[in-house]
Structure formats: structure tokens, C-alpha cells
Amino acid sequence: MVEDEPRVYEIRIHGCPTSQEALATQAPIKLLLCPDPDHAPPCDVPWSFTLAGEGTAHSTALVLGVYTSSGRATQVADRVRALVGETRTVAVSEGEAEEWEELVEQYRFEKGLR
């Protein structure tokens, strides 16, 4: 199977009633993505977090940005879904590279693609 070119994907974890709860959800996801934070680069899947919907009447979503292929993004989303359980909705979609510049730069730097 041929993998598509890497790009930014957003994995949104919906259903966090507060931004504090959304931020607390980051720690177990970090361990899922990177069980050894002291590993030598490159990261298998470059990743970063942000929040969406903060301060609205609806719940806050934790947004996990990843820079990878479509298939790998789906695999990561499935692993996150299994981790957070059925009380939260996990959705994956293509993201905007301009909004996740640090992921693109991390990928290029670690792959030597300057």
C-alpha cells in the first residue's frame, strides 16, 4: 500500500466540559503518542495540542495536530478514541498547515528537509 504525502491533520476530542479538563486529557495522550519522551529524533508522528471552543457555551474540544499521512492520522485517531472512551467523540480532518507551522517545521527539521 502506498502512503500519501504527509500533511497536517486535526484530531478533535470533543466533550470536555471545561478547558481545564481538556488540558488534563493531554497527559495520557502524550504518553500514548510518545511513551519515551527522551527518545532520539525524529518523532514517529510530529504532534502538538491546542483548544477549540474555549469560553463558549458548548464544551471545549482538545485538538491534537499531527503531521503524517492520512492512513497514519486515522490510526492515531483510533488509538486516541480507545484511550478516551465512549464519553468523548473523536473526529479526524485535514488541518491548515499555516495554523500548525511548528509541526511542519519539526517534520522538515527532523527529516533534514530544510
C-alpha atoms as a PDB file:
ATOM      1  CA  MET A   1       0.000   0.000   0.000  1.00  0.00           C
ATOM      2  CA  VAL A   2       1.386   3.406  -0.980  1.00  0.00           C
ATOM      3  CA  GLU A   3       1.165   6.094   1.696  1.00  0.00           C
ATOM      4  CA  ASP A   4       0.104   9.565   0.694  1.00  0.00           C
ATOM      5  CA  GLU A   5       2.326  12.552   1.350  1.00  0.00           C
ATOM      6  CA  PRO A   6       2.313  13.803   4.935  1.00  0.00           C
ATOM      7  CA  ARG A   7       0.191  16.812   5.791  1.00  0.00           C
ATOM      8  CA  VAL A   8      -1.485  18.343   8.809  1.00  0.00           C
ATOM      9  CA  TYR A   9      -4.461  16.549  10.321  1.00  0.00           C
ATOM     10  CA  GLU A  10      -6.529  17.626  13.297  1.00  0.00           C
ATOM     11  CA  ILE A  11      -7.831  15.038  15.717  1.00  0.00           C
ATOM     12  CA  ARG A  12     -10.542  16.714  17.774  1.00  0.00           C
ATOM     13  CA  ILE A  13     -11.531  15.261  21.131  1.00  0.00           C
ATOM     14  CA  HIS A  14     -14.989  16.673  21.885  1.00  0.00           C
ATOM     15  CA  GLY A  15     -16.908  16.522  25.135  1.00  0.00           C
ATOM     16  CA  CYS A  16     -14.624  18.216  27.644  1.00  0.00           C
ATOM     17  CA  PRO A  17     -16.875  20.437  29.780  1.00  0.00           C
ATOM     18  CA  THR A  18     -14.035  22.821  30.684  1.00  0.00           C
ATOM     19  CA  SER A  19     -10.711  23.870  29.243  1.00  0.00           C
ATOM     20  CA  GLN A  20      -9.018  22.515  32.402  1.00  0.00           C
ATOM     21  CA  GLU A  21     -10.444  19.052  31.718  1.00  0.00           C
ATOM     22  CA  ALA A  22      -9.412  19.285  28.070  1.00  0.00           C
ATOM     23  CA  LEU A  23      -5.870  20.207  29.117  1.00  0.00           C
ATOM     24  CA  ALA A  24      -5.784  17.326  31.625  1.00  0.00           C
ATOM     25  CA  THR A  25      -6.628  14.953  28.779  1.00  0.00           C
ATOM     26  CA  GLN A  26      -3.328  15.886  27.092  1.00  0.00           C
ATOM     27  CA  ALA A  27      -1.112  13.935  29.518  1.00  0.00           C
ATOM     28  CA  PRO A  28      -2.400  10.422  28.730  1.00  0.00           C
ATOM     29  CA  ILE A  29      -2.497  11.231  25.009  1.00  0.00           C
ATOM     30  CA  LYS A  30       1.127  12.433  25.153  1.00  0.00           C
ATOM     31  CA  LEU A  31       2.130   9.091  26.691  1.00  0.00           C
ATOM     32  CA  LEU A  32       0.166   7.254  24.027  1.00  0.00           C
ATOM     33  CA  LEU A  33       1.977   9.123  21.249  1.00  0.00           C
ATOM     34  CA  CYS A  34       5.376   9.207  22.870  1.00  0.00           C
ATOM     35  CA  PRO A  35       5.917   6.635  25.632  1.00  0.00           C
ATOM     36  CA  ASP A  36       9.616   7.599  25.773  1.00  0.00           C
ATOM     37  CA  PRO A  37       9.871  11.408  25.761  1.00  0.00           C
ATOM     38  CA  ASP A  38      13.675  11.177  25.786  1.00  0.00           C
ATOM     39  CA  HIS A  39      13.897   9.204  22.530  1.00  0.00           C
ATOM     40  CA  ALA A  40      16.234  10.289  19.769  1.00  0.00           C
ATOM     41  CA  PRO A  41      14.555  12.203  16.941  1.00  0.00           C
ATOM     42  CA  PRO A  42      12.721  12.013  14.689  1.00  0.00           C
ATOM     43  CA  CYS A  43       9.298  11.525  16.205  1.00  0.00           C
ATOM     44  CA  ASP A  44       7.261   8.836  14.500  1.00  0.00           C
ATOM     45  CA  VAL A  45       4.395  11.334  14.177  1.00  0.00           C
ATOM     46  CA  PRO A  46       5.061  15.015  14.969  1.00  0.00           C
ATOM     47  CA  TRP A  47       2.217  16.319  17.161  1.00  0.00           C
ATOM     48  CA  SER A  48       1.006  19.332  19.103  1.00  0.00           C
ATOM     49  CA  PHE A  49      -2.111  20.437  21.021  1.00  0.00           C
ATOM     50  CA  THR A  50      -4.475  23.398  21.069  1.00  0.00           C
ATOM     51  CA  LEU A  51      -8.000  24.075  22.312  1.00  0.00           C
ATOM     52  CA  ALA A  52     -11.133  24.902  20.304  1.00  0.00           C
ATOM     53  CA  GLY A  53     -14.422  26.310  21.533  1.00  0.00           C
ATOM     54  CA  GLU A  54     -12.860  27.648  24.729  1.00  0.00           C
ATOM     55  CA  GLY A  55     -15.124  30.097  26.527  1.00  0.00           C
ATOM     56  CA  THR A  56     -18.230  29.165  24.575  1.00  0.00           C
ATOM     57  CA  ALA A  57     -21.496  27.805  25.927  1.00  0.00           C
ATOM     58  CA  HIS A  58     -20.594  24.441  24.422  1.00  0.00           C
ATOM     59  CA  SER A  59     -17.871  22.146  25.634  1.00  0.00           C
ATOM     60  CA  THR A  60     -14.219  22.664  24.817  1.00  0.00           C
ATOM     61  CA  ALA A  61     -12.505  20.427  22.277  1.00  0.00           C
ATOM     62  CA  LEU A  62      -8.903  19.351  22.683  1.00  0.00           C
ATOM     63  CA  VAL A  63      -7.306  19.476  19.236  1.00  0.00           C
ATOM     64  CA  LEU A  64      -4.359  17.212  18.526  1.00  0.00           C
ATOM     65  CA  GLY A  65      -2.481  18.313  15.426  1.00  0.00           C
ATOM     66  CA  VAL A  66      -0.379  15.668  13.693  1.00  0.00           C
ATOM     67  CA  TYR A  67       1.801  15.823  10.597  1.00  0.00           C
ATOM     68  CA  THR A  68       1.573  12.482   8.860  1.00  0.00           C
ATOM     69  CA  SER A  69      -0.174  10.515   6.128  1.00  0.00           C
ATOM     70  CA  SER A  70      -3.945  10.138   6.022  1.00  0.00           C
ATOM     71  CA  GLY A  71      -3.783   6.472   6.996  1.00  0.00           C
ATOM     72  CA  ARG A  72      -1.475   7.108   9.930  1.00  0.00           C
ATOM     73  CA  ALA A  73      -3.667  10.015  11.128  1.00  0.00           C
ATOM     74  CA  THR A  74      -6.640   7.638  11.138  1.00  0.00           C
ATOM     75  CA  GLN A  75      -4.622   5.096  13.156  1.00  0.00           C
ATOM     76  CA  VAL A  76      -3.646   7.753  15.702  1.00  0.00           C
ATOM     77  CA  ALA A  77      -7.287   8.878  15.964  1.00  0.00           C
ATOM     78  CA  ASP A  78      -8.360   5.267  16.582  1.00  0.00           C
ATOM     79  CA  ARG A  79      -5.789   4.926  19.371  1.00  0.00           C
ATOM     80  CA  VAL A  80      -6.916   8.232  20.936  1.00  0.00           C
ATOM     81  CA  ARG A  81     -10.569   7.114  20.660  1.00  0.00           C
ATOM     82  CA  ALA A  82      -9.763   3.880  22.506  1.00  0.00           C
ATOM     83  CA  LEU A  83      -7.918   5.841  25.194  1.00  0.00           C
ATOM     84  CA  VAL A  84     -10.580   8.483  25.923  1.00  0.00           C
ATOM     85  CA  GLY A  85     -13.500   6.061  25.810  1.00  0.00           C
ATOM     86  CA  GLU A  86     -17.058   6.373  24.641  1.00  0.00           C
ATOM     87  CA  THR A  87     -17.880   9.521  26.609  1.00  0.00           C
ATOM     88  CA  ARG A  88     -15.991  11.685  24.115  1.00  0.00           C
ATOM     89  CA  THR A  89     -16.289  11.998  20.361  1.00  0.00           C
ATOM     90  CA  VAL A  90     -13.041  11.825  18.384  1.00  0.00           C
ATOM     91  CA  ALA A  91     -13.002  13.145  14.817  1.00  0.00           C
ATOM     92  CA  VAL A  92     -10.152  13.488  12.333  1.00  0.00           C
ATOM     93  CA  SER A  93      -9.991  16.013   9.500  1.00  0.00           C
ATOM     94  CA  GLU A  94      -7.388  17.706   7.371  1.00  0.00           C
ATOM     95  CA  GLY A  95      -5.940  20.808   9.002  1.00  0.00           C
ATOM     96  CA  GLU A  96      -4.421  24.031   7.716  1.00  0.00           C
ATOM     97  CA  ALA A  97      -0.613  23.913   7.544  1.00  0.00           C
ATOM     98  CA  GLU A  98      -0.453  27.646   8.316  1.00  0.00           C
ATOM     99  CA  GLU A  99      -2.147  27.044  11.672  1.00  0.00           C
ATOM    100  CA  TRP A 100       0.299  24.264  12.596  1.00  0.00           C
ATOM    101  CA  GLU A 101       3.578  25.697  11.294  1.00  0.00           C
ATOM    102  CA  GLU A 102       5.570  24.218  14.188  1.00  0.00           C
ATOM    103  CA  LEU A 103       4.560  20.691  13.117  1.00  0.00           C
ATOM    104  CA  VAL A 104       5.598  21.279   9.522  1.00  0.00           C
ATOM    105  CA  GLU A 105       8.906  22.777  10.661  1.00  0.00           C
ATOM    106  CA  GLN A 106       9.514  19.938  13.128  1.00  0.00           C
ATOM    107  CA  TYR A 107       8.949  17.383  10.368  1.00  0.00           C
ATOM    108  CA  ARG A 108      11.267  19.189   7.942  1.00  0.00           C
ATOM    109  CA  PHE A 109      13.958  19.679  10.566  1.00  0.00           C
ATOM    110  CA  GLU A 110      13.873  16.074  11.778  1.00  0.00           C
ATOM    111  CA  LYS A 111      13.868  14.715   8.221  1.00  0.00           C
ATOM    112  CA  GLY A 112      16.653  17.088   7.140  1.00  0.00           C
ATOM    113  CA  LEU A 113      14.435  18.776   4.548  1.00  0.00           C
ATOM    114  CA  ARG A 114      15.330  22.412   5.187  1.00  0.00           C
END
